[in-house]
Full PDB file with SEQRES, HELIX, SHEET, SSBOND, CRYST1, ORIGX, SCALE, CONECT and MASTER records, all heavy atoms in Angstrom:
SEQRES   1 A   38  ARG LEU THR PRO ALA VAL THR ALA VAL MET GLY LEU ASN          
SEQRES   2 A   38  GLY THR PHE VAL VAL PRO VAL GLY LEU THR TYR ARG TYR          
SEQRES   3 A   38  THR ASP SER LEU LEU PHE ASP PHE LYS TYR THR TYR              
SHEET    1 AA1 3 LEU A   2  VAL A   6  0                                        
SHEET    2 AA1 3 PRO A  19  THR A  27 -1                                        
SHEET    3 AA1 3 LEU A  30  THR A  37 -1                                        
SHEET    1 AA2 2 VAL A   9  MET A  10  0                                        
SHEET    2 AA2 2 PHE A  16  VAL A  17 -1                                        
CRYST1    1.000    1.000    1.000  90.00  90.00  90.00 P 1           1          
ORIGX1      1.000000  0.000000  0.000000        0.00000                         
ORIGX2      0.000000  1.000000  0.000000        0.00000                         
ORIGX3      0.000000  0.000000  1.000000        0.00000                         
SCALE1      1.000000  0.000000  0.000000        0.00000                         
SCALE2      0.000000  1.000000  0.000000        0.00000                         
SCALE3      0.000000  0.000000  1.000000        0.00000                         
ATOM      1  N   ARG A   1     -94.063 -43.267   3.316  1.00  0.00           N  
ATOM      2  CA  ARG A   1     -95.250 -44.043   2.946  1.00  0.00           C  
ATOM      3  C   ARG A   1     -94.984 -45.024   1.810  1.00  0.00           C  
ATOM      4  O   ARG A   1     -95.626 -46.064   1.724  1.00  0.00           O  
ATOM      5  CB  ARG A   1     -96.390 -43.117   2.538  1.00  0.00           C  
ATOM      6  CG  ARG A   1     -96.897 -42.298   3.677  1.00  0.00           C  
ATOM      7  CD  ARG A   1     -98.095 -41.486   3.269  1.00  0.00           C  
ATOM      8  NE  ARG A   1     -99.010 -41.534   4.382  1.00  0.00           N  
ATOM      9  CZ  ARG A   1    -100.310 -41.622   4.278  1.00  0.00           C  
ATOM     10  NH1 ARG A   1    -100.859 -41.654   3.103  1.00  0.00           N  
ATOM     11  NH2 ARG A   1    -101.061 -41.667   5.337  1.00  0.00           N  
ATOM     12  N   LEU A   2     -94.077 -44.705   0.925  1.00  0.00           N  
ATOM     13  CA  LEU A   2     -93.763 -45.546  -0.228  1.00  0.00           C  
ATOM     14  C   LEU A   2     -92.309 -45.999  -0.110  1.00  0.00           C  
ATOM     15  O   LEU A   2     -91.403 -45.175  -0.050  1.00  0.00           O  
ATOM     16  CB  LEU A   2     -93.975 -44.760  -1.516  1.00  0.00           C  
ATOM     17  CG  LEU A   2     -93.850 -45.519  -2.822  1.00  0.00           C  
ATOM     18  CD1 LEU A   2     -94.934 -46.579  -2.920  1.00  0.00           C  
ATOM     19  CD2 LEU A   2     -93.955 -44.562  -3.986  1.00  0.00           C  
ATOM     20  N   THR A   3     -92.101 -47.316  -0.074  1.00  0.00           N  
ATOM     21  CA  THR A   3     -90.762 -47.855   0.139  1.00  0.00           C  
ATOM     22  C   THR A   3     -90.434 -48.888  -0.937  1.00  0.00           C  
ATOM     23  O   THR A   3     -90.839 -50.043  -0.838  1.00  0.00           O  
ATOM     24  CB  THR A   3     -90.664 -48.513   1.531  1.00  0.00           C  
ATOM     25  OG1 THR A   3     -91.082 -47.582   2.509  1.00  0.00           O  
ATOM     26  CG2 THR A   3     -89.251 -48.952   1.831  1.00  0.00           C  
ATOM     27  N   PRO A   4     -89.708 -48.500  -1.984  1.00  0.00           N  
ATOM     28  CA  PRO A   4     -89.223 -49.485  -2.949  1.00  0.00           C  
ATOM     29  C   PRO A   4     -87.916 -50.096  -2.441  1.00  0.00           C  
ATOM     30  O   PRO A   4     -87.127 -49.450  -1.752  1.00  0.00           O  
ATOM     31  CB  PRO A   4     -88.993 -48.665  -4.215  1.00  0.00           C  
ATOM     32  CG  PRO A   4     -88.761 -47.279  -3.731  1.00  0.00           C  
ATOM     33  CD  PRO A   4     -89.498 -47.130  -2.439  1.00  0.00           C  
ATOM     34  N   ALA A   5     -87.693 -51.365  -2.796  1.00  0.00           N  
ATOM     35  CA  ALA A   5     -86.485 -52.055  -2.371  1.00  0.00           C  
ATOM     36  C   ALA A   5     -86.095 -53.086  -3.421  1.00  0.00           C  
ATOM     37  O   ALA A   5     -86.948 -53.675  -4.084  1.00  0.00           O  
ATOM     38  CB  ALA A   5     -86.701 -52.748  -1.029  1.00  0.00           C  
ATOM     39  N   VAL A   6     -84.795 -53.302  -3.571  1.00  0.00           N  
ATOM     40  CA  VAL A   6     -84.283 -54.328  -4.474  1.00  0.00           C  
ATOM     41  C   VAL A   6     -83.110 -55.019  -3.780  1.00  0.00           C  
ATOM     42  O   VAL A   6     -82.318 -54.385  -3.088  1.00  0.00           O  
ATOM     43  CB  VAL A   6     -83.872 -53.743  -5.850  1.00  0.00           C  
ATOM     44  CG1 VAL A   6     -82.748 -52.752  -5.713  1.00  0.00           C  
ATOM     45  CG2 VAL A   6     -83.523 -54.834  -6.826  1.00  0.00           C  
ATOM     46  N   THR A   7     -83.036 -56.330  -3.957  1.00  0.00           N  
ATOM     47  CA  THR A   7     -81.967 -57.134  -3.388  1.00  0.00           C  
ATOM     48  C   THR A   7     -81.378 -57.988  -4.500  1.00  0.00           C  
ATOM     49  O   THR A   7     -82.119 -58.469  -5.358  1.00  0.00           O  
ATOM     50  CB  THR A   7     -82.507 -58.043  -2.265  1.00  0.00           C  
ATOM     51  OG1 THR A   7     -83.154 -57.237  -1.296  1.00  0.00           O  
ATOM     52  CG2 THR A   7     -81.400 -58.827  -1.601  1.00  0.00           C  
ATOM     53  N   ALA A   8     -80.090 -58.170  -4.493  1.00  0.00           N  
ATOM     54  CA  ALA A   8     -79.432 -59.053  -5.462  1.00  0.00           C  
ATOM     55  C   ALA A   8     -78.660 -60.115  -4.693  1.00  0.00           C  
ATOM     56  O   ALA A   8     -77.841 -59.794  -3.835  1.00  0.00           O  
ATOM     57  CB  ALA A   8     -78.491 -58.264  -6.355  1.00  0.00           C  
ATOM     58  N   VAL A   9     -78.943 -61.372  -4.986  1.00  0.00           N  
ATOM     59  CA  VAL A   9     -78.268 -62.499  -4.352  1.00  0.00           C  
ATOM     60  C   VAL A   9     -77.655 -63.339  -5.462  1.00  0.00           C  
ATOM     61  O   VAL A   9     -78.356 -63.772  -6.371  1.00  0.00           O  
ATOM     62  CB  VAL A   9     -79.254 -63.348  -3.519  1.00  0.00           C  
ATOM     63  CG1 VAL A   9     -78.531 -64.495  -2.849  1.00  0.00           C  
ATOM     64  CG2 VAL A   9     -79.986 -62.496  -2.512  1.00  0.00           C  
ATOM     65  N   MET A  10     -76.350 -63.567  -5.380  1.00  0.00           N  
ATOM     66  CA  MET A  10     -75.656 -64.346  -6.415  1.00  0.00           C  
ATOM     67  C   MET A  10     -74.965 -65.538  -5.769  1.00  0.00           C  
ATOM     68  O   MET A  10     -74.348 -65.409  -4.713  1.00  0.00           O  
ATOM     69  CB  MET A  10     -74.630 -63.481  -7.133  1.00  0.00           C  
ATOM     70  CG  MET A  10     -75.242 -62.279  -7.804  1.00  0.00           C  
ATOM     71  SD  MET A  10     -74.082 -61.383  -8.797  1.00  0.00           S  
ATOM     72  CE  MET A  10     -74.196 -62.344 -10.286  1.00  0.00           C  
ATOM     73  N   GLY A  11     -75.059 -66.684  -6.437  1.00  0.00           N  
ATOM     74  CA  GLY A  11     -74.387 -67.887  -5.976  1.00  0.00           C  
ATOM     75  C   GLY A  11     -73.049 -68.062  -6.666  1.00  0.00           C  
ATOM     76  O   GLY A  11     -72.797 -67.485  -7.727  1.00  0.00           O  
ATOM     77  N   LEU A  12     -72.199 -68.866  -6.091  1.00  0.00           N  
ATOM     78  CA  LEU A  12     -70.877 -69.115  -6.665  1.00  0.00           C  
ATOM     79  C   LEU A  12     -70.946 -69.901  -7.971  1.00  0.00           C  
ATOM     80  O   LEU A  12     -70.013 -69.859  -8.771  1.00  0.00           O  
ATOM     81  CB  LEU A  12     -70.000 -69.860  -5.657  1.00  0.00           C  
ATOM     82  CG  LEU A  12     -69.658 -69.074  -4.381  1.00  0.00           C  
ATOM     83  CD1 LEU A  12     -68.870 -69.961  -3.427  1.00  0.00           C  
ATOM     84  CD2 LEU A  12     -68.904 -67.816  -4.709  1.00  0.00           C  
ATOM     85  N   ASN A  13     -72.049 -70.607  -8.191  1.00  0.00           N  
ATOM     86  CA  ASN A  13     -72.191 -71.399  -9.412  1.00  0.00           C  
ATOM     87  C   ASN A  13     -72.832 -70.620 -10.557  1.00  0.00           C  
ATOM     88  O   ASN A  13     -73.150 -71.187 -11.592  1.00  0.00           O  
ATOM     89  CB  ASN A  13     -72.987 -72.668  -9.121  1.00  0.00           C  
ATOM     90  CG  ASN A  13     -74.384 -72.368  -8.626  1.00  0.00           C  
ATOM     91  OD1 ASN A  13     -74.734 -71.232  -8.376  1.00  0.00           O  
ATOM     92  ND2 ASN A  13     -75.179 -73.410  -8.474  1.00  0.00           N  
ATOM     93  N   GLY A  14     -73.067 -69.306 -10.387  1.00  0.00           N  
ATOM     94  CA  GLY A  14     -73.610 -68.488 -11.467  1.00  0.00           C  
ATOM     95  C   GLY A  14     -75.095 -68.243 -11.405  1.00  0.00           C  
ATOM     96  O   GLY A  14     -75.647 -67.555 -12.255  1.00  0.00           O  
ATOM     97  N   THR A  15     -75.779 -68.781 -10.414  1.00  0.00           N  
ATOM     98  CA  THR A  15     -77.204 -68.520 -10.272  1.00  0.00           C  
ATOM     99  C   THR A  15     -77.419 -67.209  -9.518  1.00  0.00           C  
ATOM    100  O   THR A  15     -76.571 -66.783  -8.752  1.00  0.00           O  
ATOM    101  CB  THR A  15     -77.901 -69.660  -9.514  1.00  0.00           C  
ATOM    102  OG1 THR A  15     -77.305 -69.783  -8.222  1.00  0.00           O  
ATOM    103  CG2 THR A  15     -77.783 -70.960 -10.262  1.00  0.00           C  
ATOM    104  N   PHE A  16     -78.559 -66.593  -9.750  1.00  0.00           N  
ATOM    105  CA  PHE A  16     -78.865 -65.347  -9.054  1.00  0.00           C  
ATOM    106  C   PHE A  16     -80.366 -65.190  -8.868  1.00  0.00           C  
ATOM    107  O   PHE A  16     -81.164 -65.773  -9.586  1.00  0.00           O  
ATOM    108  CB  PHE A  16     -78.301 -64.137  -9.806  1.00  0.00           C  
ATOM    109  CG  PHE A  16     -78.875 -63.952 -11.176  1.00  0.00           C  
ATOM    110  CD1 PHE A  16     -79.998 -63.174 -11.358  1.00  0.00           C  
ATOM    111  CD2 PHE A  16     -78.286 -64.544 -12.275  1.00  0.00           C  
ATOM    112  CE1 PHE A  16     -80.532 -63.001 -12.625  1.00  0.00           C  
ATOM    113  CE2 PHE A  16     -78.800 -64.373 -13.536  1.00  0.00           C  
ATOM    114  CZ  PHE A  16     -79.933 -63.597 -13.715  1.00  0.00           C  
ATOM    115  N   VAL A  17     -80.724 -64.394  -7.879  1.00  0.00           N  
ATOM    116  CA  VAL A  17     -82.112 -64.066  -7.574  1.00  0.00           C  
ATOM    117  C   VAL A  17     -82.170 -62.565  -7.321  1.00  0.00           C  
ATOM    118  O   VAL A  17     -81.329 -62.021  -6.609  1.00  0.00           O  
ATOM    119  CB  VAL A  17     -82.613 -64.825  -6.329  1.00  0.00           C  
ATOM    120  CG1 VAL A  17     -84.016 -64.399  -5.958  1.00  0.00           C  
ATOM    121  CG2 VAL A  17     -82.554 -66.312  -6.540  1.00  0.00           C  
ATOM    122  N   VAL A  18     -83.154 -61.898  -7.926  1.00  0.00           N  
ATOM    123  CA  VAL A  18     -83.330 -60.461  -7.735  1.00  0.00           C  
ATOM    124  C   VAL A  18     -84.768 -60.212  -7.288  1.00  0.00           C  
ATOM    125  O   VAL A  18     -85.669 -60.127  -8.116  1.00  0.00           O  
ATOM    126  CB  VAL A  18     -83.020 -59.666  -9.018  1.00  0.00           C  
ATOM    127  CG1 VAL A  18     -83.198 -58.177  -8.776  1.00  0.00           C  
ATOM    128  CG2 VAL A  18     -81.624 -59.968  -9.513  1.00  0.00           C  
ATOM    129  N   PRO A  19     -85.011 -60.116  -5.969  1.00  0.00           N  
ATOM    130  CA  PRO A  19     -86.342 -59.750  -5.489  1.00  0.00           C  
ATOM    131  C   PRO A  19     -86.509 -58.225  -5.481  1.00  0.00           C  
ATOM    132  O   PRO A  19     -85.662 -57.509  -4.967  1.00  0.00           O  
ATOM    133  CB  PRO A  19     -86.406 -60.311  -4.073  1.00  0.00           C  
ATOM    134  CG  PRO A  19     -85.059 -60.820  -3.749  1.00  0.00           C  
ATOM    135  CD  PRO A  19     -84.166 -60.601  -4.915  1.00  0.00           C  
ATOM    136  N   VAL A  20     -87.601 -57.759  -6.061  1.00  0.00           N  
ATOM    137  CA  VAL A  20     -87.920 -56.336  -6.107  1.00  0.00           C  
ATOM    138  C   VAL A  20     -89.239 -56.156  -5.358  1.00  0.00           C  
ATOM    139  O   VAL A  20     -90.207 -56.864  -5.626  1.00  0.00           O  
ATOM    140  CB  VAL A  20     -88.063 -55.835  -7.560  1.00  0.00           C  
ATOM    141  CG1 VAL A  20     -88.463 -54.381  -7.588  1.00  0.00           C  
ATOM    142  CG2 VAL A  20     -86.788 -56.075  -8.331  1.00  0.00           C  
ATOM    143  N   GLY A  21     -89.271 -55.216  -4.416  1.00  0.00           N  
ATOM    144  CA  GLY A  21     -90.477 -55.023  -3.617  1.00  0.00           C  
ATOM    145  C   GLY A  21     -90.890 -53.576  -3.546  1.00  0.00           C  
ATOM    146  O   GLY A  21     -90.074 -52.664  -3.661  1.00  0.00           O  
ATOM    147  N   LEU A  22     -92.180 -53.363  -3.341  1.00  0.00           N  
ATOM    148  CA  LEU A  22     -92.739 -52.028  -3.186  1.00  0.00           C  
ATOM    149  C   LEU A  22     -93.787 -52.108  -2.079  1.00  0.00           C  
ATOM    150  O   LEU A  22     -94.734 -52.894  -2.175  1.00  0.00           O  
ATOM    151  CB  LEU A  22     -93.380 -51.552  -4.487  1.00  0.00           C  
ATOM    152  CG  LEU A  22     -93.994 -50.173  -4.468  1.00  0.00           C  
ATOM    153  CD1 LEU A  22     -92.910 -49.110  -4.332  1.00  0.00           C  
ATOM    154  CD2 LEU A  22     -94.793 -49.932  -5.728  1.00  0.00           C  
ATOM    155  N   THR A  23     -93.596 -51.319  -1.039  1.00  0.00           N  
ATOM    156  CA  THR A  23     -94.536 -51.280   0.079  1.00  0.00           C  
ATOM    157  C   THR A  23     -95.148 -49.887   0.150  1.00  0.00           C  
ATOM    158  O   THR A  23     -94.432 -48.898   0.139  1.00  0.00           O  
ATOM    159  CB  THR A  23     -93.828 -51.597   1.407  1.00  0.00           C  
ATOM    160  OG1 THR A  23     -93.220 -52.874   1.317  1.00  0.00           O  
ATOM    161  CG2 THR A  23     -94.808 -51.590   2.566  1.00  0.00           C  
ATOM    162  N   TYR A  24     -96.478 -49.853   0.214  1.00  0.00           N  
ATOM    163  CA  TYR A  24     -97.196 -48.589   0.369  1.00  0.00           C  
ATOM    164  C   TYR A  24     -97.940 -48.621   1.699  1.00  0.00           C  
ATOM    165  O   TYR A  24     -98.763 -49.505   1.937  1.00  0.00           O  
ATOM    166  CB  TYR A  24     -98.172 -48.362  -0.781  1.00  0.00           C  
ATOM    167  CG  TYR A  24     -98.941 -47.069  -0.632  1.00  0.00           C  
ATOM    168  CD1 TYR A  24     -98.290 -45.849  -0.760  1.00  0.00           C  
ATOM    169  CD2 TYR A  24    -100.288 -47.072  -0.347  1.00  0.00           C  
ATOM    170  CE1 TYR A  24     -98.977 -44.656  -0.613  1.00  0.00           C  
ATOM    171  CE2 TYR A  24    -100.988 -45.887  -0.205  1.00  0.00           C  
ATOM    172  CZ  TYR A  24    -100.316 -44.683  -0.334  1.00  0.00           C  
ATOM    173  OH  TYR A  24    -100.994 -43.509  -0.183  1.00  0.00           O  
ATOM    174  N   ARG A  25     -97.630 -47.661   2.575  1.00  0.00           N  
ATOM    175  CA  ARG A  25     -98.260 -47.572   3.891  1.00  0.00           C  
ATOM    176  C   ARG A  25     -99.385 -46.541   3.800  1.00  0.00           C  
ATOM    177  O   ARG A  25     -99.140 -45.340   3.862  1.00  0.00           O  
ATOM    178  CB  ARG A  25     -97.231 -47.162   4.932  1.00  0.00           C  
ATOM    179  CG  ARG A  25     -97.775 -47.067   6.344  1.00  0.00           C  
ATOM    180  CD  ARG A  25     -96.705 -46.625   7.320  1.00  0.00           C  
ATOM    181  NE  ARG A  25     -95.601 -47.535   7.387  1.00  0.00           N  
ATOM    182  CZ  ARG A  25     -95.524 -48.606   8.174  1.00  0.00           C  
ATOM    183  NH1 ARG A  25     -96.535 -48.880   8.967  1.00  0.00           N  
ATOM    184  NH2 ARG A  25     -94.469 -49.370   8.166  1.00  0.00           N  
ATOM    185  N   TYR A  26    -100.617 -47.028   3.637  1.00  0.00           N  
ATOM    186  CA  TYR A  26    -101.769 -46.131   3.540  1.00  0.00           C  
ATOM    187  C   TYR A  26    -102.016 -45.452   4.884  1.00  0.00           C  
ATOM    188  O   TYR A  26    -102.184 -44.244   4.958  1.00  0.00           O  
ATOM    189  CB  TYR A  26    -102.996 -46.914   3.077  1.00  0.00           C  
ATOM    190  CG  TYR A  26    -104.196 -46.053   2.816  1.00  0.00           C  
ATOM    191  CD1 TYR A  26    -104.254 -45.241   1.693  1.00  0.00           C  
ATOM    192  CD2 TYR A  26    -105.260 -46.040   3.698  1.00  0.00           C  
ATOM    193  CE1 TYR A  26    -105.351 -44.434   1.460  1.00  0.00           C  
ATOM    194  CE2 TYR A  26    -106.354 -45.235   3.478  1.00  0.00           C  
ATOM    195  CZ  TYR A  26    -106.401 -44.438   2.357  1.00  0.00           C  
ATOM    196  OH  TYR A  26    -107.481 -43.631   2.135  1.00  0.00           O  
ATOM    197  N   THR A  27    -102.091 -46.231   5.922  1.00  0.00           N  
ATOM    198  CA  THR A  27    -102.116 -45.740   7.306  1.00  0.00           C  
ATOM    199  C   THR A  27    -101.170 -46.638   8.096  1.00  0.00           C  
ATOM    200  O   THR A  27    -100.610 -47.587   7.560  1.00  0.00           O  
ATOM    201  CB  THR A  27    -103.530 -45.809   7.924  1.00  0.00           C  
ATOM    202  OG1 THR A  27    -103.934 -47.167   7.987  1.00  0.00           O  
ATOM    203  CG2 THR A  27    -104.530 -45.002   7.127  1.00  0.00           C  
ATOM    204  N   ASP A  28    -101.014 -46.362   9.387  1.00  0.00           N  
ATOM    205  CA  ASP A  28    -100.146 -47.208  10.199  1.00  0.00           C  
ATOM    206  C   ASP A  28    -100.692 -48.624  10.344  1.00  0.00           C  
ATOM    207  O   ASP A  28     -99.949 -49.552  10.643  1.00  0.00           O  
ATOM    208  CB  ASP A  28     -99.944 -46.600  11.587  1.00  0.00           C  
ATOM    209  CG  ASP A  28     -98.996 -45.418  11.543  1.00  0.00           C  
ATOM    210  OD1 ASP A  28     -98.238 -45.310  10.564  1.00  0.00           O  
ATOM    211  OD2 ASP A  28     -99.031 -44.600  12.483  1.00  0.00           O  
ATOM    212  N   SER A  29    -101.983 -48.818  10.121  1.00  0.00           N  
ATOM    213  CA  SER A  29    -102.571 -50.143  10.275  1.00  0.00           C  
ATOM    214  C   SER A  29    -102.954 -50.806   8.950  1.00  0.00           C  
ATOM    215  O   SER A  29    -103.478 -51.914   8.951  1.00  0.00           O  
ATOM    216  CB  SER A  29    -103.806 -50.062  11.170  1.00  0.00           C  
ATOM    217  OG  SER A  29    -104.758 -49.207  10.593  1.00  0.00           O  
ATOM    218  N   LEU A  30    -102.692 -50.158   7.809  1.00  0.00           N  
ATOM    219  CA  LEU A  30    -103.036 -50.725   6.506  1.00  0.00           C  
ATOM    220  C   LEU A  30    -101.851 -50.589   5.555  1.00  0.00           C  
ATOM    221  O   LEU A  30    -101.454 -49.481   5.211  1.00  0.00           O  
ATOM    222  CB  LEU A  30    -104.270 -50.031   5.925  1.00  0.00           C  
ATOM    223  CG  LEU A  30    -104.781 -50.532   4.579  1.00  0.00           C  
ATOM    224  CD1 LEU A  30    -105.184 -52.004   4.667  1.00  0.00           C  
ATOM    225  CD2 LEU A  30    -105.945 -49.681   4.105  1.00  0.00           C  
ATOM    226  N   LEU A  31    -101.286 -51.734   5.161  1.00  0.00           N  
ATOM    227  CA  LEU A  31    -100.117 -51.760   4.283  1.00  0.00           C  
ATOM    228  C   LEU A  31    -100.408 -52.590   3.041  1.00  0.00           C  
ATOM    229  O   LEU A  31    -101.104 -53.606   3.109  1.00  0.00           O  
ATOM    230  CB  LEU A  31     -98.913 -52.384   4.994  1.00  0.00           C  
ATOM    231  CG  LEU A  31     -98.168 -51.528   5.999  1.00  0.00           C  
ATOM    232  CD1 LEU A  31     -98.891 -51.516   7.310  1.00  0.00           C  
ATOM    233  CD2 LEU A  31     -96.780 -52.053   6.143  1.00  0.00           C  
ATOM    234  N   PHE A  32     -99.865 -52.150   1.910  1.00  0.00           N  
ATOM    235  CA  PHE A  32     -99.957 -52.875   0.647  1.00  0.00           C  
ATOM    236  C   PHE A  32     -98.541 -53.246   0.220  1.00  0.00           C  
ATOM    237  O   PHE A  32     -97.669 -52.389   0.134  1.00  0.00           O  
ATOM    238  CB  PHE A  32    -100.615 -52.016  -0.435  1.00  0.00           C  
ATOM    239  CG  PHE A  32    -102.028 -51.637  -0.123  1.00  0.00           C  
ATOM    240  CD1 PHE A  32    -102.314 -50.431   0.504  1.00  0.00           C  
ATOM    241  CD2 PHE A  32    -103.065 -52.483  -0.452  1.00  0.00           C  
ATOM    242  CE1 PHE A  32    -103.610 -50.076   0.792  1.00  0.00           C  
ATOM    243  CE2 PHE A  32    -104.375 -52.132  -0.166  1.00  0.00           C  
ATOM    244  CZ  PHE A  32    -104.655 -50.930   0.457  1.00  0.00           C  
ATOM    245  N   ASP A  33     -98.314 -54.518  -0.063  1.00  0.00           N  
ATOM    246  CA  ASP A  33     -97.004 -55.031  -0.477  1.00  0.00           C  
ATOM    247  C   ASP A  33     -97.108 -55.657  -1.867  1.00  0.00           C  
ATOM    248  O   ASP A  33     -97.995 -56.478  -2.109  1.00  0.00           O  
ATOM    249  CB  ASP A  33     -96.526 -56.134   0.469  1.00  0.00           C  
ATOM    250  CG  ASP A  33     -95.676 -55.633   1.592  1.00  0.00           C  
ATOM    251  OD1 ASP A  33     -95.087 -54.558   1.444  1.00  0.00           O  
ATOM    252  OD2 ASP A  33     -95.601 -56.328   2.612  1.00  0.00           O  
ATOM    253  N   PHE A  34     -96.191 -55.289  -2.745  1.00  0.00           N  
ATOM    254  CA  PHE A  34     -96.087 -55.891  -4.072  1.00  0.00           C  
ATOM    255  C   PHE A  34     -94.655 -56.360  -4.243  1.00  0.00           C  
ATOM    256  O   PHE A  34     -93.719 -55.602  -3.985  1.00  0.00           O  
ATOM    257  CB  PHE A  34     -96.449 -54.874  -5.161  1.00  0.00           C  
ATOM    258  CG  PHE A  34     -97.813 -54.289  -4.989  1.00  0.00           C  
ATOM    259  CD1 PHE A  34     -97.981 -53.050  -4.387  1.00  0.00           C  
ATOM    260  CD2 PHE A  34     -98.934 -54.976  -5.416  1.00  0.00           C  
ATOM    261  CE1 PHE A  34     -99.234 -52.507  -4.217  1.00  0.00           C  
ATOM    262  CE2 PHE A  34    -100.197 -54.440  -5.247  1.00  0.00           C  
ATOM    263  CZ  PHE A  34    -100.349 -53.201  -4.647  1.00  0.00           C  
ATOM    264  N   LYS A  35     -94.473 -57.603  -4.687  1.00  0.00           N  
ATOM    265  CA  LYS A  35     -93.125 -58.153  -4.838  1.00  0.00           C  
ATOM    266  C   LYS A  35     -93.018 -58.969  -6.123  1.00  0.00           C  
ATOM    267  O   LYS A  35     -93.954 -59.651  -6.526  1.00  0.00           O  
ATOM    268  CB  LYS A  35     -92.764 -59.042  -3.658  1.00  0.00           C  
ATOM    269  CG  LYS A  35     -92.618 -58.261  -2.381  1.00  0.00           C  
ATOM    270  CD  LYS A  35     -92.129 -59.101  -1.252  1.00  0.00           C  
ATOM    271  CE  LYS A  35     -92.027 -58.210  -0.027  1.00  0.00           C  
ATOM    272  NZ  LYS A  35     -91.692 -58.912   1.167  1.00  0.00           N  
ATOM    273  N   TYR A  36     -91.851 -58.868  -6.746  1.00  0.00           N  
ATOM    274  CA  TYR A  36     -91.513 -59.677  -7.916  1.00  0.00           C  
ATOM    275  C   TYR A  36     -90.123 -60.259  -7.688  1.00  0.00           C  
ATOM    276  O   TYR A  36     -89.200 -59.535  -7.307  1.00  0.00           O  
ATOM    277  CB  TYR A  36     -91.524 -58.837  -9.197  1.00  0.00           C  
ATOM    278  CG  TYR A  36     -91.092 -59.618 -10.406  1.00  0.00           C  
ATOM    279  CD1 TYR A  36     -91.922 -60.584 -10.949  1.00  0.00           C  
ATOM    280  CD2 TYR A  36     -89.857 -59.405 -10.989  1.00  0.00           C  
ATOM    281  CE1 TYR A  36     -91.531 -61.321 -12.048  1.00  0.00           C  
ATOM    282  CE2 TYR A  36     -89.460 -60.135 -12.090  1.00  0.00           C  
ATOM    283  CZ  TYR A  36     -90.303 -61.091 -12.616  1.00  0.00           C  
ATOM    284  OH  TYR A  36     -89.916 -61.821 -13.697  1.00  0.00           O  
ATOM    285  N   THR A  37     -89.993 -61.540  -7.895  1.00  0.00           N  
ATOM    286  CA  THR A  37     -88.718 -62.223  -7.704  1.00  0.00           C  
ATOM    287  C   THR A  37     -88.302 -62.855  -9.020  1.00  0.00           C  
ATOM    288  O   THR A  37     -89.011 -63.699  -9.563  1.00  0.00           O  
ATOM    289  CB  THR A  37     -88.835 -63.306  -6.619  1.00  0.00           C  
ATOM    290  OG1 THR A  37     -89.291 -62.700  -5.419  1.00  0.00           O  
ATOM    291  CG2 THR A  37     -87.505 -63.969  -6.366  1.00  0.00           C  
ATOM    292  N   TYR A  38     -87.159 -62.415  -9.529  1.00  0.00           N  
ATOM    293  CA  TYR A  38     -86.613 -62.951 -10.781  1.00  0.00           C  
ATOM    294  C   TYR A  38     -85.491 -63.927 -10.451  1.00  0.00           C  
ATOM    295  O   TYR A  38     -84.584 -63.596  -9.697  1.00  0.00           O  
ATOM    296  CB  TYR A  38     -86.091 -61.825 -11.659  1.00  0.00           C  
ATOM    297  CG  TYR A  38     -85.430 -62.324 -12.922  1.00  0.00           C  
ATOM    298  CD1 TYR A  38     -86.189 -62.885 -13.933  1.00  0.00           C  
ATOM    299  CD2 TYR A  38     -84.057 -62.258 -13.079  1.00  0.00           C  
ATOM    300  CE1 TYR A  38     -85.598 -63.360 -15.091  1.00  0.00           C  
ATOM    301  CE2 TYR A  38     -83.453 -62.731 -14.232  1.00  0.00           C  
ATOM    302  CZ  TYR A  38     -84.231 -63.277 -15.225  1.00  0.00           C  
ATOM    303  OH  TYR A  38     -83.642 -63.754 -16.357  1.00  0.00           O  
TER     304      TYR A  38                                                      
MASTER        0    0    0    0    5    0    0    6  303    1    0    3          
END                                                                             
């Protein structure tokens, strides 16, 4: 029901992006998604 996830993407020029997500499945037909991208 609760699925946290993190991804790290790095470029060759030193840039990076870190998206962090949290999905909560209340029922099979109702989902809540929270995401932060640094």
